[in-house]
């Protein structure tokens, strides 16, 4: 058995329009989601939203926690103002909208699969033991780092050590060498000795830097380093704002290789070496 879930079908669109606020919370806007779900009239889509709100209420959930009204007044004439409705939706709200949409639309079928699978992935993660969470996030960091370096290369980066260090300086407040010295760990061990909380901060730094480099169409190495430093600093400030411990002060944990070895040794014989 495995906890890995693979999404079949086009899910890139949902990831492309996903946003993350200053607190690190992901969300979608209803106006952008509308077209992706095959709706072209707001009035029709708003009916689906209202139906989804009722489903949310029936589940004993606070609607405003999942469907945040972000409507605004816009000028449509020299003397006329009109409210344009929109919503900031979390993953649960999107899931409800997909479930309450027109099932005959192929876009809705894709959305139902995507949001159901993503919700299940989160449930699985929440129930993992701490050790397995750490292993999971470390794997995500490795995977997303590869994407970041590919994007950085396209952005004109050739000195990856300097580029990488810029992100660490933003997030940790000092260079990688100084961080390793402060934590008393060997060179190159930072992420392998980081706990789940520290890894999660680095994962956010990595994914948001890659997103910004793409969004800004960066094509300058110095500018790419500045972006990495800036994003790292934003993540650091968010940690401070919520009263968290900045990552340089988090104690190093057992090396990730040791954890993998321990888990492998504790597996029943039938699961070892593919038996």
C-alpha atoms as a PDB file:
ATOM      1  CA  UNK A   1       0.000   0.000   0.000  1.00  0.00           C
ATOM      2  CA  UNK A   2       1.142   3.560  -0.612  1.00  0.00           C
ATOM      3  CA  UNK A   3      -0.122   6.997   0.377  1.00  0.00           C
ATOM      4  CA  UNK A   4       1.006   8.495  -2.911  1.00  0.00           C
ATOM      5  CA  UNK A   5      -1.860   9.739  -5.062  1.00  0.00           C
ATOM      6  CA  UNK A   6      -1.438  10.539  -8.729  1.00  0.00           C
ATOM      7  CA  UNK A   7      -3.804  12.956 -10.425  1.00  0.00           C
ATOM      8  CA  UNK A   8      -4.798  11.979 -13.931  1.00  0.00           C
ATOM      9  CA  UNK A   9      -5.958  14.676 -16.270  1.00  0.00           C
ATOM     10  CA  UNK A  10      -5.187  18.367 -16.637  1.00  0.00           C
ATOM     11  CA  UNK A  11      -4.650  19.852 -13.164  1.00  0.00           C
ATOM     12  CA  UNK A  12      -2.096  22.487 -14.145  1.00  0.00           C
ATOM     13  CA  UNK A  13      -4.773  25.125 -14.675  1.00  0.00           C
ATOM     14  CA  UNK A  14      -5.920  24.970 -11.067  1.00  0.00           C
ATOM     15  CA  UNK A  15      -2.353  25.305  -9.834  1.00  0.00           C
ATOM     16  CA  UNK A  16      -1.638  28.198 -12.191  1.00  0.00           C
ATOM     17  CA  UNK A  17      -4.483  30.348 -10.855  1.00  0.00           C
ATOM     18  CA  UNK A  18      -3.862  29.408  -7.234  1.00  0.00           C
ATOM     19  CA  UNK A  19      -2.613  32.285  -5.099  1.00  0.00           C
ATOM     20  CA  UNK A  20      -1.007  32.489  -1.666  1.00  0.00           C
ATOM     21  CA  UNK A  21      -1.678  35.375   0.715  1.00  0.00           C
ATOM     22  CA  UNK A  22       0.828  37.046   3.047  1.00  0.00           C
ATOM     23  CA  UNK A  23       0.086  34.493   5.752  1.00  0.00           C
ATOM     24  CA  UNK A  24       0.934  31.589   3.488  1.00  0.00           C
ATOM     25  CA  UNK A  25      -2.687  30.545   2.947  1.00  0.00           C
ATOM     26  CA  UNK A  26      -3.581  29.345  -0.544  1.00  0.00           C
ATOM     27  CA  UNK A  27      -6.743  30.566  -2.267  1.00  0.00           C
ATOM     28  CA  UNK A  28      -8.517  30.911  -5.593  1.00  0.00           C
ATOM     29  CA  UNK A  29     -10.650  33.803  -6.830  1.00  0.00           C
ATOM     30  CA  UNK A  30     -14.134  32.967  -8.074  1.00  0.00           C
ATOM     31  CA  UNK A  31     -13.796  35.104 -11.199  1.00  0.00           C
ATOM     32  CA  UNK A  32     -10.699  33.202 -12.322  1.00  0.00           C
ATOM     33  CA  UNK A  33     -12.091  29.811 -11.334  1.00  0.00           C
ATOM     34  CA  UNK A  34     -15.306  30.461 -13.264  1.00  0.00           C
ATOM     35  CA  UNK A  35     -13.806  30.150 -16.750  1.00  0.00           C
ATOM     36  CA  UNK A  36     -11.699  27.149 -15.787  1.00  0.00           C
ATOM     37  CA  UNK A  37     -14.887  25.351 -14.764  1.00  0.00           C
ATOM     38  CA  UNK A  38     -16.611  26.050 -18.070  1.00  0.00           C
ATOM     39  CA  UNK A  39     -18.838  28.939 -16.949  1.00  0.00           C
ATOM     40  CA  UNK A  40     -18.930  32.149 -18.949  1.00  0.00           C
ATOM     41  CA  UNK A  41     -21.772  34.071 -17.282  1.00  0.00           C
ATOM     42  CA  UNK A  42     -21.239  35.269 -13.727  1.00  0.00           C
ATOM     43  CA  UNK A  43     -24.931  34.929 -12.886  1.00  0.00           C
ATOM     44  CA  UNK A  44     -24.829  31.209 -13.693  1.00  0.00           C
ATOM     45  CA  UNK A  45     -21.646  30.660 -11.732  1.00  0.00           C
ATOM     46  CA  UNK A  46     -22.930  32.654  -8.774  1.00  0.00           C
ATOM     47  CA  UNK A  47     -25.859  30.229  -8.540  1.00  0.00           C
ATOM     48  CA  UNK A  48     -23.316  27.417  -8.096  1.00  0.00           C
ATOM     49  CA  UNK A  49     -21.494  29.460  -5.452  1.00  0.00           C
ATOM     50  CA  UNK A  50     -24.715  30.080  -3.523  1.00  0.00           C
ATOM     51  CA  UNK A  51     -25.587  26.385  -3.688  1.00  0.00           C
ATOM     52  CA  UNK A  52     -22.085  25.578  -2.408  1.00  0.00           C
ATOM     53  CA  UNK A  53     -22.497  28.056   0.451  1.00  0.00           C
ATOM     54  CA  UNK A  54     -25.652  26.249   1.528  1.00  0.00           C
ATOM     55  CA  UNK A  55     -23.787  22.939   1.427  1.00  0.00           C
ATOM     56  CA  UNK A  56     -21.073  24.527   3.552  1.00  0.00           C
ATOM     57  CA  UNK A  57     -23.655  25.750   6.068  1.00  0.00           C
ATOM     58  CA  UNK A  58     -25.301  22.333   6.166  1.00  0.00           C
ATOM     59  CA  UNK A  59     -21.925  20.862   7.083  1.00  0.00           C
ATOM     60  CA  UNK A  60     -21.856  23.089  10.182  1.00  0.00           C
ATOM     61  CA  UNK A  61     -19.063  25.229   8.735  1.00  0.00           C
ATOM     62  CA  UNK A  62     -18.831  29.022   8.881  1.00  0.00           C
ATOM     63  CA  UNK A  63     -19.424  30.131   5.300  1.00  0.00           C
ATOM     64  CA  UNK A  64     -17.287  33.269   5.641  1.00  0.00           C
ATOM     65  CA  UNK A  65     -14.289  31.148   6.620  1.00  0.00           C
ATOM     66  CA  UNK A  66     -14.330  29.526   3.203  1.00  0.00           C
ATOM     67  CA  UNK A  67     -16.094  32.040   0.933  1.00  0.00           C
ATOM     68  CA  UNK A  68     -14.668  35.517   1.614  1.00  0.00           C
ATOM     69  CA  UNK A  69     -16.576  38.272  -0.191  1.00  0.00           C
ATOM     70  CA  UNK A  70     -14.092  40.478  -2.056  1.00  0.00           C
ATOM     71  CA  UNK A  71     -16.596  42.403  -4.182  1.00  0.00           C
ATOM     72  CA  UNK A  72     -15.764  45.995  -4.983  1.00  0.00           C
ATOM     73  CA  UNK A  73     -17.406  49.080  -6.435  1.00  0.00           C
ATOM     74  CA  UNK A  74     -16.322  50.050  -9.945  1.00  0.00           C
ATOM     75  CA  UNK A  75     -17.221  53.082 -12.024  1.00  0.00           C
ATOM     76  CA  UNK A  76     -19.189  52.264 -15.183  1.00  0.00           C
ATOM     77  CA  UNK A  77     -19.972  55.841 -16.154  1.00  0.00           C
ATOM     78  CA  UNK A  78     -19.226  59.390 -15.177  1.00  0.00           C
ATOM     79  CA  UNK A  79     -21.746  59.278 -12.321  1.00  0.00           C
ATOM     80  CA  UNK A  80     -22.501  55.568 -11.930  1.00  0.00           C
ATOM     81  CA  UNK A  81     -20.929  52.980  -9.623  1.00  0.00           C
ATOM     82  CA  UNK A  82     -21.684  49.275  -9.630  1.00  0.00           C
ATOM     83  CA  UNK A  83     -20.586  46.465  -7.357  1.00  0.00           C
ATOM     84  CA  UNK A  84     -18.663  43.650  -9.027  1.00  0.00           C
ATOM     85  CA  UNK A  85     -18.991  40.476  -6.986  1.00  0.00           C
ATOM     86  CA  UNK A  86     -16.068  38.159  -6.377  1.00  0.00           C
ATOM     87  CA  UNK A  87     -14.951  35.696  -3.709  1.00  0.00           C
ATOM     88  CA  UNK A  88     -11.706  34.539  -2.199  1.00  0.00           C
ATOM     89  CA  UNK A  89     -12.111  30.763  -2.008  1.00  0.00           C
ATOM     90  CA  UNK A  90     -10.140  28.237  -0.002  1.00  0.00           C
ATOM     91  CA  UNK A  91      -9.622  24.648  -1.158  1.00  0.00           C
ATOM     92  CA  UNK A  92     -12.732  23.428   0.653  1.00  0.00           C
ATOM     93  CA  UNK A  93     -14.892  26.077  -1.047  1.00  0.00           C
ATOM     94  CA  UNK A  94     -13.488  25.073  -4.442  1.00  0.00           C
ATOM     95  CA  UNK A  95     -14.216  21.445  -3.644  1.00  0.00           C
ATOM     96  CA  UNK A  96     -17.846  22.305  -2.818  1.00  0.00           C
ATOM     97  CA  UNK A  97     -18.207  24.372  -6.003  1.00  0.00           C
ATOM     98  CA  UNK A  98     -16.871  21.463  -8.057  1.00  0.00           C
ATOM     99  CA  UNK A  99     -19.301  19.091  -6.371  1.00  0.00           C
ATOM    100  CA  UNK A 100     -22.243  21.421  -6.971  1.00  0.00           C
ATOM    101  CA  UNK A 101     -21.386  22.401 -10.537  1.00  0.00           C
ATOM    102  CA  UNK A 102     -22.966  21.164 -13.757  1.00  0.00           C
ATOM    103  CA  UNK A 103     -21.864  17.531 -13.915  1.00  0.00           C
ATOM    104  CA  UNK A 104     -22.301  17.476 -17.703  1.00  0.00           C
ATOM    105  CA  UNK A 105     -19.356  19.880 -18.095  1.00  0.00           C
ATOM    106  CA  UNK A 106     -16.045  18.030 -18.587  1.00  0.00           C
ATOM    107  CA  UNK A 107     -14.319  20.889 -16.733  1.00  0.00           C
ATOM    108  CA  UNK A 108     -16.413  20.129 -13.653  1.00  0.00           C
ATOM    109  CA  UNK A 109     -15.478  16.437 -13.800  1.00  0.00           C
ATOM    110  CA  UNK A 110     -11.797  17.397 -13.898  1.00  0.00           C
ATOM    111  CA  UNK A 111     -12.259  19.811 -10.995  1.00  0.00           C
ATOM    112  CA  UNK A 112     -14.084  17.212  -8.911  1.00  0.00           C
ATOM    113  CA  UNK A 113     -11.179  14.819  -9.335  1.00  0.00           C
ATOM    114  CA  UNK A 114      -8.550  17.464  -8.678  1.00  0.00           C
ATOM    115  CA  UNK A 115     -10.022  18.974  -5.515  1.00  0.00           C
ATOM    116  CA  UNK A 116     -11.152  15.621  -4.114  1.00  0.00           C
ATOM    117  CA  UNK A 117      -7.666  14.173  -4.582  1.00  0.00           C
ATOM    118  CA  UNK A 118      -5.946  17.232  -3.147  1.00  0.00           C
ATOM    119  CA  UNK A 119      -8.272  17.171  -0.136  1.00  0.00           C
ATOM    120  CA  UNK A 120      -7.500  13.478   0.373  1.00  0.00           C
ATOM    121  CA  UNK A 121      -3.757  14.174   0.123  1.00  0.00           C
ATOM    122  CA  UNK A 122      -4.112  16.757   2.897  1.00  0.00           C
ATOM    123  CA  UNK A 123      -6.052  14.294   5.065  1.00  0.00           C
ATOM    124  CA  UNK A 124      -3.323  11.702   4.583  1.00  0.00           C
ATOM    125  CA  UNK A 125      -0.614  14.222   5.431  1.00  0.00           C
ATOM    126  CA  UNK A 126      -2.420  15.400   8.578  1.00  0.00           C
ATOM    127  CA  UNK A 127      -2.563  11.811   9.833  1.00  0.00           C
ATOM    128  CA  UNK A 128       1.086  10.998   9.183  1.00  0.00           C
ATOM    129  CA  UNK A 129       3.406  10.528  12.176  1.00  0.00           C
ATOM    130  CA  UNK A 130       5.874  13.399  12.693  1.00  0.00           C
ATOM    131  CA  UNK A 131       8.783  11.410  11.237  1.00  0.00           C
ATOM    132  CA  UNK A 132       6.877  10.625   8.051  1.00  0.00           C
ATOM    133  CA  UNK A 133       5.738  14.249   7.745  1.00  0.00           C
ATOM    134  CA  UNK A 134       9.360  15.330   7.883  1.00  0.00           C
ATOM    135  CA  UNK A 135      10.332  12.792   5.223  1.00  0.00           C
ATOM    136  CA  UNK A 136       7.430  13.877   3.045  1.00  0.00           C
ATOM    137  CA  UNK A 137       8.239  17.594   3.248  1.00  0.00           C
ATOM    138  CA  UNK A 138      11.943  16.903   2.638  1.00  0.00           C
ATOM    139  CA  UNK A 139      10.972  15.104  -0.554  1.00  0.00           C
ATOM    140  CA  UNK A 140       8.792  18.044  -1.605  1.00  0.00           C
ATOM    141  CA  UNK A 141      11.681  20.456  -0.938  1.00  0.00           C
ATOM    142  CA  UNK A 142      14.004  18.397  -3.160  1.00  0.00           C
ATOM    143  CA  UNK A 143      11.427  18.220  -5.944  1.00  0.00           C
ATOM    144  CA  UNK A 144      10.549  21.933  -5.841  1.00  0.00           C
ATOM    145  CA  UNK A 145      14.223  22.928  -5.625  1.00  0.00           C
ATOM    146  CA  UNK A 146      14.829  21.216  -8.955  1.00  0.00           C
ATOM    147  CA  UNK A 147      12.015  23.270 -10.483  1.00  0.00           C
ATOM    148  CA  UNK A 148      13.404  26.456  -8.947  1.00  0.00           C
ATOM    149  CA  UNK A 149      16.899  25.883 -10.317  1.00  0.00           C
ATOM    150  CA  UNK A 150      15.473  25.187 -13.775  1.00  0.00           C
ATOM    151  CA  UNK A 151      13.473  28.414 -13.652  1.00  0.00           C
ATOM    152  CA  UNK A 152      16.470  30.298 -12.245  1.00  0.00           C
ATOM    153  CA  UNK A 153      18.611  29.073 -15.123  1.00  0.00           C
ATOM    154  CA  UNK A 154      16.009  30.389 -17.558  1.00  0.00           C
ATOM    155  CA  UNK A 155      16.098  33.665 -15.615  1.00  0.00           C
ATOM    156  CA  UNK A 156      19.801  34.021 -16.364  1.00  0.00           C
ATOM    157  CA  UNK A 157      21.293  32.553 -13.196  1.00  0.00           C
ATOM    158  CA  UNK A 158      24.666  30.855 -13.638  1.00  0.00           C
ATOM    159  CA  UNK A 159      26.131  31.257 -10.140  1.00  0.00           C
ATOM    160  CA  UNK A 160      23.726  28.998  -8.278  1.00  0.00           C
ATOM    161  CA  UNK A 161      25.655  29.119  -5.021  1.00  0.00           C
ATOM    162  CA  UNK A 162      25.155  32.890  -4.790  1.00  0.00           C
ATOM    163  CA  UNK A 163      21.530  32.584  -5.891  1.00  0.00           C
ATOM    164  CA  UNK A 164      20.841  29.909  -3.263  1.00  0.00           C
ATOM    165  CA  UNK A 165      22.612  31.878  -0.551  1.00  0.00           C
ATOM    166  CA  UNK A 166      20.467  34.927  -1.299  1.00  0.00           C
ATOM    167  CA  UNK A 167      17.348  32.942  -0.389  1.00  0.00           C
ATOM    168  CA  UNK A 168      18.916  31.691   2.832  1.00  0.00           C
ATOM    169  CA  UNK A 169      20.020  35.211   3.791  1.00  0.00           C
ATOM    170  CA  UNK A 170      16.449  36.397   3.365  1.00  0.00           C
ATOM    171  CA  UNK A 171      14.871  33.548   5.330  1.00  0.00           C
ATOM    172  CA  UNK A 172      17.538  32.988   8.011  1.00  0.00           C
ATOM    173  CA  UNK A 173      19.037  36.466   8.236  1.00  0.00           C
ATOM    174  CA  UNK A 174      22.541  35.187   7.444  1.00  0.00           C
ATOM    175  CA  UNK A 175      24.538  33.200   4.905  1.00  0.00           C
ATOM    176  CA  UNK A 176      24.440  29.412   4.637  1.00  0.00           C
ATOM    177  CA  UNK A 177      27.966  29.133   6.076  1.00  0.00           C
ATOM    178  CA  UNK A 178      26.967  31.163   9.127  1.00  0.00           C
ATOM    179  CA  UNK A 179      23.735  29.198   9.571  1.00  0.00           C
ATOM    180  CA  UNK A 180      25.626  25.895   9.534  1.00  0.00           C
ATOM    181  CA  UNK A 181      28.129  27.279  12.034  1.00  0.00           C
ATOM    182  CA  UNK A 182      25.364  28.535  14.348  1.00  0.00           C
ATOM    183  CA  UNK A 183      23.548  25.206  14.248  1.00  0.00           C
ATOM    184  CA  UNK A 184      26.760  23.188  14.612  1.00  0.00           C
ATOM    185  CA  UNK A 185      26.096  21.060  11.537  1.00  0.00           C
ATOM    186  CA  UNK A 186      28.301  19.933   8.658  1.00  0.00           C
ATOM    187  CA  UNK A 187      28.482  21.683   5.302  1.00  0.00           C
ATOM    188  CA  UNK A 188      25.537  20.807   3.065  1.00  0.00           C
ATOM    189  CA  UNK A 189      23.449  19.308   5.894  1.00  0.00           C
ATOM    190  CA  UNK A 190      21.028  22.172   6.553  1.00  0.00           C
ATOM    191  CA  UNK A 191      17.916  20.769   4.876  1.00  0.00           C
ATOM    192  CA  UNK A 192      18.715  17.171   5.844  1.00  0.00           C
ATOM    193  CA  UNK A 193      18.925  18.200   9.505  1.00  0.00           C
ATOM    194  CA  UNK A 194      15.898  20.524   9.406  1.00  0.00           C
ATOM    195  CA  UNK A 195      12.675  19.595  11.189  1.00  0.00           C
ATOM    196  CA  UNK A 196       9.198  19.782   9.648  1.00  0.00           C
ATOM    197  CA  UNK A 197       8.604  23.433  10.581  1.00  0.00           C
ATOM    198  CA  UNK A 198      11.935  24.600   9.159  1.00  0.00           C
ATOM    199  CA  UNK A 199      11.469  22.511   6.022  1.00  0.00           C
ATOM    200  CA  UNK A 200       7.985  23.971   5.503  1.00  0.00           C
ATOM    201  CA  UNK A 201       9.408  27.512   5.666  1.00  0.00           C
ATOM    202  CA  UNK A 202      12.019  26.588   3.064  1.00  0.00           C
ATOM    203  CA  UNK A 203       9.410  24.926   0.863  1.00  0.00           C
ATOM    204  CA  UNK A 204       7.358  28.128   0.854  1.00  0.00           C
ATOM    205  CA  UNK A 205      10.487  30.168   0.055  1.00  0.00           C
ATOM    206  CA  UNK A 206      11.338  27.887  -2.855  1.00  0.00           C
ATOM    207  CA  UNK A 207       7.884  27.651  -4.442  1.00  0.00           C
ATOM    208  CA  UNK A 208       7.130  31.370  -4.139  1.00  0.00           C
ATOM    209  CA  UNK A 209      10.512  32.376  -5.566  1.00  0.00           C
ATOM    210  CA  UNK A 210       9.979  30.165  -8.581  1.00  0.00           C
ATOM    211  CA  UNK A 211       6.480  31.575  -9.047  1.00  0.00           C
ATOM    212  CA  UNK A 212       7.711  35.176  -8.883  1.00  0.00           C
ATOM    213  CA  UNK A 213      10.613  34.599 -11.270  1.00  0.00           C
ATOM    214  CA  UNK A 214       8.132  33.209 -13.780  1.00  0.00           C
ATOM    215  CA  UNK A 215       5.515  35.906 -13.176  1.00  0.00           C
ATOM    216  CA  UNK A 216       8.046  38.739 -13.481  1.00  0.00           C
ATOM    217  CA  UNK A 217       9.743  37.069 -16.479  1.00  0.00           C
ATOM    218  CA  UNK A 218      13.098  37.732 -14.830  1.00  0.00           C
ATOM    219  CA  UNK A 219      16.056  37.540 -17.187  1.00  0.00           C
ATOM    220  CA  UNK A 220      18.817  39.008 -15.053  1.00  0.00           C
ATOM    221  CA  UNK A 221      20.985  37.137 -12.545  1.00  0.00           C
ATOM    222  CA  UNK A 222      21.273  40.017 -10.074  1.00  0.00           C
ATOM    223  CA  UNK A 223      17.520  40.589 -10.173  1.00  0.00           C
ATOM    224  CA  UNK A 224      16.917  36.856  -9.648  1.00  0.00           C
ATOM    225  CA  UNK A 225      19.085  36.944  -6.517  1.00  0.00           C
ATOM    226  CA  UNK A 226      17.207  39.991  -5.249  1.00  0.00           C
ATOM    227  CA  UNK A 227      13.912  38.182  -5.791  1.00  0.00           C
ATOM    228  CA  UNK A 228      15.127  35.130  -3.881  1.00  0.00           C
ATOM    229  CA  UNK A 229      16.343  37.321  -1.012  1.00  0.00           C
ATOM    230  CA  UNK A 230      13.090  39.306  -0.963  1.00  0.00           C
ATOM    231  CA  UNK A 231      10.860  36.212  -0.907  1.00  0.00           C
ATOM    232  CA  UNK A 232      12.964  34.648   1.831  1.00  0.00           C
ATOM    233  CA  UNK A 233      12.626  37.860   3.821  1.00  0.00           C
ATOM    234  CA  UNK A 234       8.844  37.896   3.360  1.00  0.00           C
ATOM    235  CA  UNK A 235       8.595  34.348   4.682  1.00  0.00           C
ATOM    236  CA  UNK A 236      10.797  35.320   7.641  1.00  0.00           C
ATOM    237  CA  UNK A 237       8.608  38.344   8.415  1.00  0.00           C
ATOM    238  CA  UNK A 238       5.459  36.222   8.252  1.00  0.00           C
ATOM    239  CA  UNK A 239       6.972  33.823  10.793  1.00  0.00           C
ATOM    240  CA  UNK A 240       7.706  36.784  13.069  1.00  0.00           C
ATOM    241  CA  UNK A 241       4.232  38.253  12.578  1.00  0.00           C
ATOM    242  CA  UNK A 242       2.521  35.080  13.778  1.00  0.00           C
ATOM    243  CA  UNK A 243       4.887  34.722  16.726  1.00  0.00           C
ATOM    244  CA  UNK A 244       6.852  31.788  15.347  1.00  0.00           C
ATOM    245  CA  UNK A 245      10.497  30.945  15.909  1.00  0.00           C
ATOM    246  CA  UNK A 246      12.782  32.118  13.116  1.00  0.00           C
ATOM    247  CA  UNK A 247      14.485  29.147  11.420  1.00  0.00           C
ATOM    248  CA  UNK A 248      18.060  29.906  12.502  1.00  0.00           C
ATOM    249  CA  UNK A 249      16.928  29.330  16.100  1.00  0.00           C
ATOM    250  CA  UNK A 250      15.328  25.946  15.435  1.00  0.00           C
ATOM    251  CA  UNK A 251      17.456  23.066  16.643  1.00  0.00           C
ATOM    252  CA  UNK A 252      18.836  20.594  14.073  1.00  0.00           C
ATOM    253  CA  UNK A 253      17.311  17.145  14.113  1.00  0.00           C
ATOM    254  CA  UNK A 254      18.537  13.674  13.238  1.00  0.00           C
ATOM    255  CA  UNK A 255      19.878  13.420   9.671  1.00  0.00           C
ATOM    256  CA  UNK A 256      17.191  12.446   7.170  1.00  0.00           C
ATOM    257  CA  UNK A 257      19.297   9.482   6.003  1.00  0.00           C
ATOM    258  CA  UNK A 258      19.238   8.057   9.518  1.00  0.00           C
ATOM    259  CA  UNK A 259      15.458   8.362   9.621  1.00  0.00           C
ATOM    260  CA  UNK A 260      15.096   6.523   6.319  1.00  0.00           C
ATOM    261  CA  UNK A 261      17.421   3.798   7.578  1.00  0.00           C
ATOM    262  CA  UNK A 262      15.451   3.424  10.819  1.00  0.00           C
ATOM    263  CA  UNK A 263      12.128   3.218   8.986  1.00  0.00           C
ATOM    264  CA  UNK A 264      13.555   0.638   6.587  1.00  0.00           C
ATOM    265  CA  UNK A 265      14.884  -1.446   9.500  1.00  0.00           C
ATOM    266  CA  UNK A 266      11.495  -1.315  11.227  1.00  0.00           C
ATOM    267  CA  UNK A 267       9.539  -2.476   8.166  1.00  0.00           C
ATOM    268  CA  UNK A 268       8.144  -6.022   8.272  1.00  0.00           C
ATOM    269  CA  UNK A 269      10.376  -8.471   6.349  1.00  0.00           C
ATOM    270  CA  UNK A 270       7.834  -8.866   3.511  1.00  0.00           C
ATOM    271  CA  UNK A 271       8.126  -5.142   2.657  1.00  0.00           C
ATOM    272  CA  UNK A 272      11.938  -5.034   2.515  1.00  0.00           C
ATOM    273  CA  UNK A 273      13.774  -4.962  -0.799  1.00  0.00           C
ATOM    274  CA  UNK A 274      10.505  -5.294  -2.672  1.00  0.00           C
ATOM    275  CA  UNK A 275       9.683  -8.770  -1.253  1.00  0.00           C
END
